[in-house]
Amino acid sequence: AVRVAAPALIGVYAGDAAKLSVRAALPRLA
């Protein structure tokens, strides 16, 4: 989560994956 998912989300949202909703931000994954 910390070393793979969170950095990857920076490239999309420039935001903190600990605050982004998986259902809203990554609905396909959910």
PDB file of all heavy atoms in Angstrom:
ATOM      1  N   ALA A   1       0.827  -1.209   0.000  1.00  0.00           N
ATOM      2  CA  ALA A   1       0.000   0.000   0.000  1.00  0.00           C
ATOM      3  C   ALA A   1       0.859   1.257   0.000  1.00  0.00           C
ATOM      4  O   ALA A   1       0.602   2.207  -0.754  1.00  0.00           O
ATOM      5  CB  ALA A   1      -0.929  -0.005   1.210  1.00  0.00           C
ATOM      6  N   VAL A   2       1.889   1.266   0.858  1.00  0.00           N
ATOM      7  CA  VAL A   2       2.700   2.471   1.040  1.00  0.00           C
ATOM      8  C   VAL A   2       3.729   2.640  -0.073  1.00  0.00           C
ATOM      9  O   VAL A   2       3.989   3.755  -0.530  1.00  0.00           O
ATOM     10  CB  VAL A   2       3.392   2.424   2.421  1.00  0.00           C
ATOM     11  CG1 VAL A   2       4.386   3.567   2.573  1.00  0.00           C
ATOM     12  CG2 VAL A   2       2.345   2.485   3.527  1.00  0.00           C
ATOM     13  N   ARG A   3       4.313   1.530  -0.541  1.00  0.00           N
ATOM     14  CA  ARG A   3       5.415   1.620  -1.495  1.00  0.00           C
ATOM     15  C   ARG A   3       4.981   1.495  -2.952  1.00  0.00           C
ATOM     16  O   ARG A   3       5.736   1.882  -3.837  1.00  0.00           O
ATOM     17  CB  ARG A   3       6.464   0.545  -1.191  1.00  0.00           C
ATOM     18  CG  ARG A   3       7.269   0.827   0.069  1.00  0.00           C
ATOM     19  CD  ARG A   3       8.434  -0.127   0.207  1.00  0.00           C
ATOM     20  NE  ARG A   3       9.458   0.441   1.070  1.00  0.00           N
ATOM     21  CZ  ARG A   3      10.760   0.331   0.862  1.00  0.00           C
ATOM     22  NH1 ARG A   3      11.197  -0.324  -0.205  1.00  0.00           N
ATOM     23  NH2 ARG A   3      11.622   0.864   1.695  1.00  0.00           N
ATOM     24  N   VAL A   4       3.793   0.961  -3.191  1.00  0.00           N
ATOM     25  CA  VAL A   4       3.340   0.772  -4.569  1.00  0.00           C
ATOM     26  C   VAL A   4       2.097   1.612  -4.862  1.00  0.00           C
ATOM     27  O   VAL A   4       2.113   2.477  -5.739  1.00  0.00           O
ATOM     28  CB  VAL A   4       3.052  -0.724  -4.853  1.00  0.00           C
ATOM     29  CG1 VAL A   4       2.563  -0.898  -6.299  1.00  0.00           C
ATOM     30  CG2 VAL A   4       4.296  -1.556  -4.610  1.00  0.00           C
ATOM     31  N   ALA A   5       1.014   1.374  -4.133  1.00  0.00           N
ATOM     32  CA  ALA A   5      -0.250   2.038  -4.446  1.00  0.00           C
ATOM     33  C   ALA A   5      -0.194   3.544  -4.214  1.00  0.00           C
ATOM     34  O   ALA A   5      -0.616   4.329  -5.077  1.00  0.00           O
ATOM     35  CB  ALA A   5      -1.377   1.425  -3.630  1.00  0.00           C
ATOM     36  N   ALA A   6       0.311   3.958  -3.064  1.00  0.00           N
ATOM     37  CA  ALA A   6       0.315   5.388  -2.749  1.00  0.00           C
ATOM     38  C   ALA A   6       1.145   6.197  -3.737  1.00  0.00           C
ATOM     39  O   ALA A   6       0.680   7.230  -4.242  1.00  0.00           O
ATOM     40  CB  ALA A   6       0.791   5.608  -1.312  1.00  0.00           C
ATOM     41  N   PRO A   7       2.377   5.775  -4.084  1.00  0.00           N
ATOM     42  CA  PRO A   7       3.119   6.532  -5.095  1.00  0.00           C
ATOM     43  C   PRO A   7       2.430   6.537  -6.462  1.00  0.00           C
ATOM     44  O   PRO A   7       2.454   7.546  -7.175  1.00  0.00           O
ATOM     45  CB  PRO A   7       4.472   5.811  -5.150  1.00  0.00           C
ATOM     46  CG  PRO A   7       4.610   5.145  -3.831  1.00  0.00           C
ATOM     47  CD  PRO A   7       3.216   4.736  -3.456  1.00  0.00           C
ATOM     48  N   ALA A   8       1.829   5.405  -6.850  1.00  0.00           N
ATOM     49  CA  ALA A   8       1.151   5.357  -8.143  1.00  0.00           C
ATOM     50  C   ALA A   8       0.033   6.386  -8.223  1.00  0.00           C
ATOM     51  O   ALA A   8      -0.174   7.025  -9.265  1.00  0.00           O
ATOM     52  CB  ALA A   8       0.604   3.954  -8.390  1.00  0.00           C
ATOM     53  N   LEU A   9      -0.705   6.563  -7.123  1.00  0.00           N
ATOM     54  CA  LEU A   9      -1.811   7.523  -7.127  1.00  0.00           C
ATOM     55  C   LEU A   9      -1.328   8.963  -7.212  1.00  0.00           C
ATOM     56  O   LEU A   9      -2.056   9.846  -7.682  1.00  0.00           O
ATOM     57  CB  LEU A   9      -2.680   7.319  -5.898  1.00  0.00           C
ATOM     58  CG  LEU A   9      -3.920   6.441  -6.105  1.00  0.00           C
ATOM     59  CD1 LEU A   9      -4.930   7.161  -6.994  1.00  0.00           C
ATOM     60  CD2 LEU A   9      -3.571   5.099  -6.722  1.00  0.00           C
ATOM     61  N   ILE A  10      -0.107   9.219  -6.751  1.00  0.00           N
ATOM     62  CA  ILE A  10       0.444  10.571  -6.875  1.00  0.00           C
ATOM     63  C   ILE A  10       0.507  10.975  -8.339  1.00  0.00           C
ATOM     64  O   ILE A  10       0.245  12.122  -8.699  1.00  0.00           O
ATOM     65  CB  ILE A  10       1.833  10.649  -6.214  1.00  0.00           C
ATOM     66  CG1 ILE A  10       1.705  10.533  -4.701  1.00  0.00           C
ATOM     67  CG2 ILE A  10       2.551  11.951  -6.590  1.00  0.00           C
ATOM     68  CD1 ILE A  10       3.023  10.430  -3.970  1.00  0.00           C
ATOM     69  N   GLY A  11       0.838  10.021  -9.210  1.00  0.00           N
ATOM     70  CA  GLY A  11       0.922  10.325 -10.630  1.00  0.00           C
ATOM     71  C   GLY A  11      -0.407  10.627 -11.278  1.00  0.00           C
ATOM     72  O   GLY A  11      -0.446  11.181 -12.385  1.00  0.00           O
ATOM     73  N   VAL A  12      -1.509  10.297 -10.624  1.00  0.00           N
ATOM     74  CA  VAL A  12      -2.846  10.548 -11.179  1.00  0.00           C
ATOM     75  C   VAL A  12      -3.514  11.735 -10.493  1.00  0.00           C
ATOM     76  O   VAL A  12      -4.004  12.660 -11.147  1.00  0.00           O
ATOM     77  CB  VAL A  12      -3.740   9.299 -11.036  1.00  0.00           C
ATOM     78  CG1 VAL A  12      -5.132   9.562 -11.598  1.00  0.00           C
ATOM     79  CG2 VAL A  12      -3.100   8.103 -11.720  1.00  0.00           C
ATOM     80  N   TYR A  13      -3.528  11.719  -9.169  1.00  0.00           N
ATOM     81  CA  TYR A  13      -4.273  12.708  -8.395  1.00  0.00           C
ATOM     82  C   TYR A  13      -3.404  13.772  -7.742  1.00  0.00           C
ATOM     83  O   TYR A  13      -3.936  14.760  -7.222  1.00  0.00           O
ATOM     84  CB  TYR A  13      -5.083  12.008  -7.296  1.00  0.00           C
ATOM     85  CG  TYR A  13      -6.317  11.303  -7.805  1.00  0.00           C
ATOM     86  CD1 TYR A  13      -6.266   9.967  -8.175  1.00  0.00           C
ATOM     87  CD2 TYR A  13      -7.526  11.979  -7.930  1.00  0.00           C
ATOM     88  CE1 TYR A  13      -7.397   9.310  -8.652  1.00  0.00           C
ATOM     89  CE2 TYR A  13      -8.658  11.327  -8.398  1.00  0.00           C
ATOM     90  CZ  TYR A  13      -8.587   9.995  -8.760  1.00  0.00           C
ATOM     91  OH  TYR A  13      -9.709   9.354  -9.231  1.00  0.00           O
ATOM     92  N   ALA A  14      -2.079  13.584  -7.740  1.00  0.00           N
ATOM     93  CA  ALA A  14      -1.190  14.468  -6.977  1.00  0.00           C
ATOM     94  C   ALA A  14      -1.689  14.584  -5.534  1.00  0.00           C
ATOM     95  O   ALA A  14      -1.584  15.629  -4.898  1.00  0.00           O
ATOM     96  CB  ALA A  14      -1.098  15.855  -7.610  1.00  0.00           C
ATOM     97  N   GLY A  15      -2.249  13.473  -5.049  1.00  0.00           N
ATOM     98  CA  GLY A  15      -2.887  13.502  -3.743  1.00  0.00           C
ATOM     99  C   GLY A  15      -2.521  12.314  -2.879  1.00  0.00           C
ATOM    100  O   GLY A  15      -1.800  11.395  -3.297  1.00  0.00           O
ATOM    101  N   ASP A  16      -3.055  12.323  -1.679  1.00  0.00           N
ATOM    102  CA  ASP A  16      -2.725  11.367  -0.641  1.00  0.00           C
ATOM    103  C   ASP A  16      -3.662  10.166  -0.712  1.00  0.00           C
ATOM    104  O   ASP A  16      -4.867  10.288  -0.435  1.00  0.00           O
ATOM    105  CB  ASP A  16      -2.831  12.051   0.725  1.00  0.00           C
ATOM    106  CG  ASP A  16      -2.336  11.192   1.868  1.00  0.00           C
ATOM    107  OD1 ASP A  16      -2.097   9.995   1.656  1.00  0.00           O
ATOM    108  OD2 ASP A  16      -2.199  11.736   2.979  1.00  0.00           O
ATOM    109  N   ALA A  17      -3.122   8.999  -1.049  1.00  0.00           N
ATOM    110  CA  ALA A  17      -3.940   7.798  -1.179  1.00  0.00           C
ATOM    111  C   ALA A  17      -4.562   7.381   0.146  1.00  0.00           C
ATOM    112  O   ALA A  17      -5.524   6.614   0.165  1.00  0.00           O
ATOM    113  CB  ALA A  17      -3.104   6.651  -1.744  1.00  0.00           C
ATOM    114  N   ALA A  18      -4.028   7.876   1.253  1.00  0.00           N
ATOM    115  CA  ALA A  18      -4.626   7.576   2.557  1.00  0.00           C
ATOM    116  C   ALA A  18      -5.910   8.367   2.783  1.00  0.00           C
ATOM    117  O   ALA A  18      -6.661   8.081   3.717  1.00  0.00           O
ATOM    118  CB  ALA A  18      -3.635   7.875   3.678  1.00  0.00           C
ATOM    119  N   LYS A  19      -6.179   9.362   1.934  1.00  0.00           N
ATOM    120  CA  LYS A  19      -7.391  10.171   2.063  1.00  0.00           C
ATOM    121  C   LYS A  19      -8.356   9.980   0.898  1.00  0.00           C
ATOM    122  O   LYS A  19      -9.496  10.453   0.962  1.00  0.00           O
ATOM    123  CB  LYS A  19      -7.009  11.646   2.173  1.00  0.00           C
ATOM    124  CG  LYS A  19      -6.176  11.971   3.400  1.00  0.00           C
ATOM    125  CD  LYS A  19      -5.807  13.443   3.442  1.00  0.00           C
ATOM    126  CE  LYS A  19      -4.987  13.772   4.678  1.00  0.00           C
ATOM    127  NZ  LYS A  19      -4.562  15.196   4.711  1.00  0.00           N
ATOM    128  N   LEU A  20      -7.911   9.317  -0.161  1.00  0.00           N
ATOM    129  CA  LEU A  20      -8.755   9.132  -1.341  1.00  0.00           C
ATOM    130  C   LEU A  20      -9.594   7.864  -1.195  1.00  0.00           C
ATOM    131  O   LEU A  20      -9.114   6.824  -0.739  1.00  0.00           O
ATOM    132  CB  LEU A  20      -7.896   9.040  -2.599  1.00  0.00           C
ATOM    133  CG  LEU A  20      -7.069  10.285  -2.944  1.00  0.00           C
ATOM    134  CD1 LEU A  20      -6.172  10.004  -4.145  1.00  0.00           C
ATOM    135  CD2 LEU A  20      -7.980  11.476  -3.227  1.00  0.00           C
ATOM    136  N   SER A  21     -10.842   7.948  -1.618  1.00  0.00           N
ATOM    137  CA  SER A  21     -11.776   6.828  -1.551  1.00  0.00           C
ATOM    138  C   SER A  21     -11.505   5.834  -2.667  1.00  0.00           C
ATOM    139  O   SER A  21     -11.438   6.201  -3.842  1.00  0.00           O
ATOM    140  CB  SER A  21     -13.204   7.349  -1.666  1.00  0.00           C
ATOM    141  OG  SER A  21     -14.087   6.357  -2.150  1.00  0.00           O
ATOM    142  N   VAL A  22     -11.393   4.549  -2.338  1.00  0.00           N
ATOM    143  CA  VAL A  22     -11.161   3.557  -3.378  1.00  0.00           C
ATOM    144  C   VAL A  22     -12.369   3.449  -4.297  1.00  0.00           C
ATOM    145  O   VAL A  22     -12.226   3.262  -5.514  1.00  0.00           O
ATOM    146  CB  VAL A  22     -10.786   2.187  -2.766  1.00  0.00           C
ATOM    147  CG1 VAL A  22     -11.965   1.555  -2.028  1.00  0.00           C
ATOM    148  CG2 VAL A  22     -10.268   1.241  -3.844  1.00  0.00           C
ATOM    149  N   ARG A  23     -13.576   3.582  -3.756  1.00  0.00           N
ATOM    150  CA  ARG A  23     -14.769   3.445  -4.604  1.00  0.00           C
ATOM    151  C   ARG A  23     -14.963   4.640  -5.534  1.00  0.00           C
ATOM    152  O   ARG A  23     -15.504   4.482  -6.630  1.00  0.00           O
ATOM    153  CB  ARG A  23     -16.002   3.235  -3.733  1.00  0.00           C
ATOM    154  CG  ARG A  23     -15.966   1.909  -3.003  1.00  0.00           C
ATOM    155  CD  ARG A  23     -17.327   1.486  -2.500  1.00  0.00           C
ATOM    156  NE  ARG A  23     -17.294   0.122  -2.007  1.00  0.00           N
ATOM    157  CZ  ARG A  23     -18.361  -0.555  -1.620  1.00  0.00           C
ATOM    158  NH1 ARG A  23     -19.544   0.019  -1.658  1.00  0.00           N
ATOM    159  NH2 ARG A  23     -18.241  -1.790  -1.182  1.00  0.00           N
ATOM    160  N   ALA A  24     -14.514   5.807  -5.108  1.00  0.00           N
ATOM    161  CA  ALA A  24     -14.655   6.985  -5.953  1.00  0.00           C
ATOM    162  C   ALA A  24     -13.464   7.166  -6.887  1.00  0.00           C
ATOM    163  O   ALA A  24     -13.630   7.489  -8.060  1.00  0.00           O
ATOM    164  CB  ALA A  24     -14.814   8.231  -5.084  1.00  0.00           C
ATOM    165  N   ALA A  25     -12.252   6.954  -6.369  1.00  0.00           N
ATOM    166  CA  ALA A  25     -11.054   7.233  -7.148  1.00  0.00           C
ATOM    167  C   ALA A  25     -10.622   6.056  -8.015  1.00  0.00           C
ATOM    168  O   ALA A  25     -10.063   6.246  -9.096  1.00  0.00           O
ATOM    169  CB  ALA A  25      -9.907   7.630  -6.216  1.00  0.00           C
ATOM    170  N   LEU A  26     -10.872   4.827  -7.541  1.00  0.00           N
ATOM    171  CA  LEU A  26     -10.495   3.625  -8.302  1.00  0.00           C
ATOM    172  C   LEU A  26     -11.678   2.654  -8.339  1.00  0.00           C
ATOM    173  O   LEU A  26     -11.622   1.543  -7.803  1.00  0.00           O
ATOM    174  CB  LEU A  26      -9.283   2.943  -7.657  1.00  0.00           C
ATOM    175  CG  LEU A  26      -7.959   3.706  -7.693  1.00  0.00           C
ATOM    176  CD1 LEU A  26      -6.878   2.917  -6.968  1.00  0.00           C
ATOM    177  CD2 LEU A  26      -7.524   4.001  -9.123  1.00  0.00           C
ATOM    178  N   PRO A  27     -12.768   3.056  -8.963  1.00  0.00           N
ATOM    179  CA  PRO A  27     -13.974   2.213  -8.926  1.00  0.00           C
ATOM    180  C   PRO A  27     -13.782   0.850  -9.570  1.00  0.00           C
ATOM    181  O   PRO A  27     -14.396  -0.129  -9.146  1.00  0.00           O
ATOM    182  CB  PRO A  27     -15.011   3.049  -9.679  1.00  0.00           C
ATOM    183  CG  PRO A  27     -14.216   4.002 -10.522  1.00  0.00           C
ATOM    184  CD  PRO A  27     -12.988   4.300  -9.727  1.00  0.00           C
ATOM    185  N   ARG A  28     -12.921   0.743 -10.586  1.00  0.00           N
ATOM    186  CA  ARG A  28     -12.711  -0.553 -11.234  1.00  0.00           C
ATOM    187  C   ARG A  28     -12.020  -1.528 -10.279  1.00  0.00           C
ATOM    188  O   ARG A  28     -12.300  -2.723 -10.290  1.00  0.00           O
ATOM    189  CB  ARG A  28     -11.886  -0.375 -12.515  1.00  0.00           C
ATOM    190  CG  ARG A  28     -12.619   0.420 -13.605  1.00  0.00           C
ATOM    191  CD  ARG A  28     -11.709   0.641 -14.810  1.00  0.00           C
ATOM    192  NE  ARG A  28     -12.334   1.493 -15.812  1.00  0.00           N
ATOM    193  CZ  ARG A  28     -12.342   2.821 -15.761  1.00  0.00           C
ATOM    194  NH1 ARG A  28     -11.757   3.439 -14.740  1.00  0.00           N
ATOM    195  NH2 ARG A  28     -12.927   3.535 -16.703  1.00  0.00           N
ATOM    196  N   LEU A  29     -11.096  -1.004  -9.481  1.00  0.00           N
ATOM    197  CA  LEU A  29     -10.411  -1.864  -8.518  1.00  0.00           C
ATOM    198  C   LEU A  29     -11.400  -2.379  -7.477  1.00  0.00           C
ATOM    199  O   LEU A  29     -11.413  -3.575  -7.141  1.00  0.00           O
ATOM    200  CB  LEU A  29      -9.285  -1.078  -7.846  1.00  0.00           C
ATOM    201  CG  LEU A  29      -8.244  -1.897  -7.084  1.00  0.00           C
ATOM    202  CD1 LEU A  29      -7.465  -2.786  -8.043  1.00  0.00           C
ATOM    203  CD2 LEU A  29      -7.308  -0.978  -6.324  1.00  0.00           C
ATOM    204  N   ALA A  30     -12.231  -1.496  -6.965  1.00  0.00           N
ATOM    205  CA  ALA A  30     -13.246  -1.909  -5.999  1.00  0.00           C
ATOM    206  C   ALA A  30     -14.207  -2.923  -6.618  1.00  0.00           C
ATOM    207  O   ALA A  30     -14.654  -3.873  -5.951  1.00  0.00           O
ATOM    208  CB  ALA A  30     -14.006  -0.692  -5.488  1.00  0.00           C
TER     209      ALA A  30
END
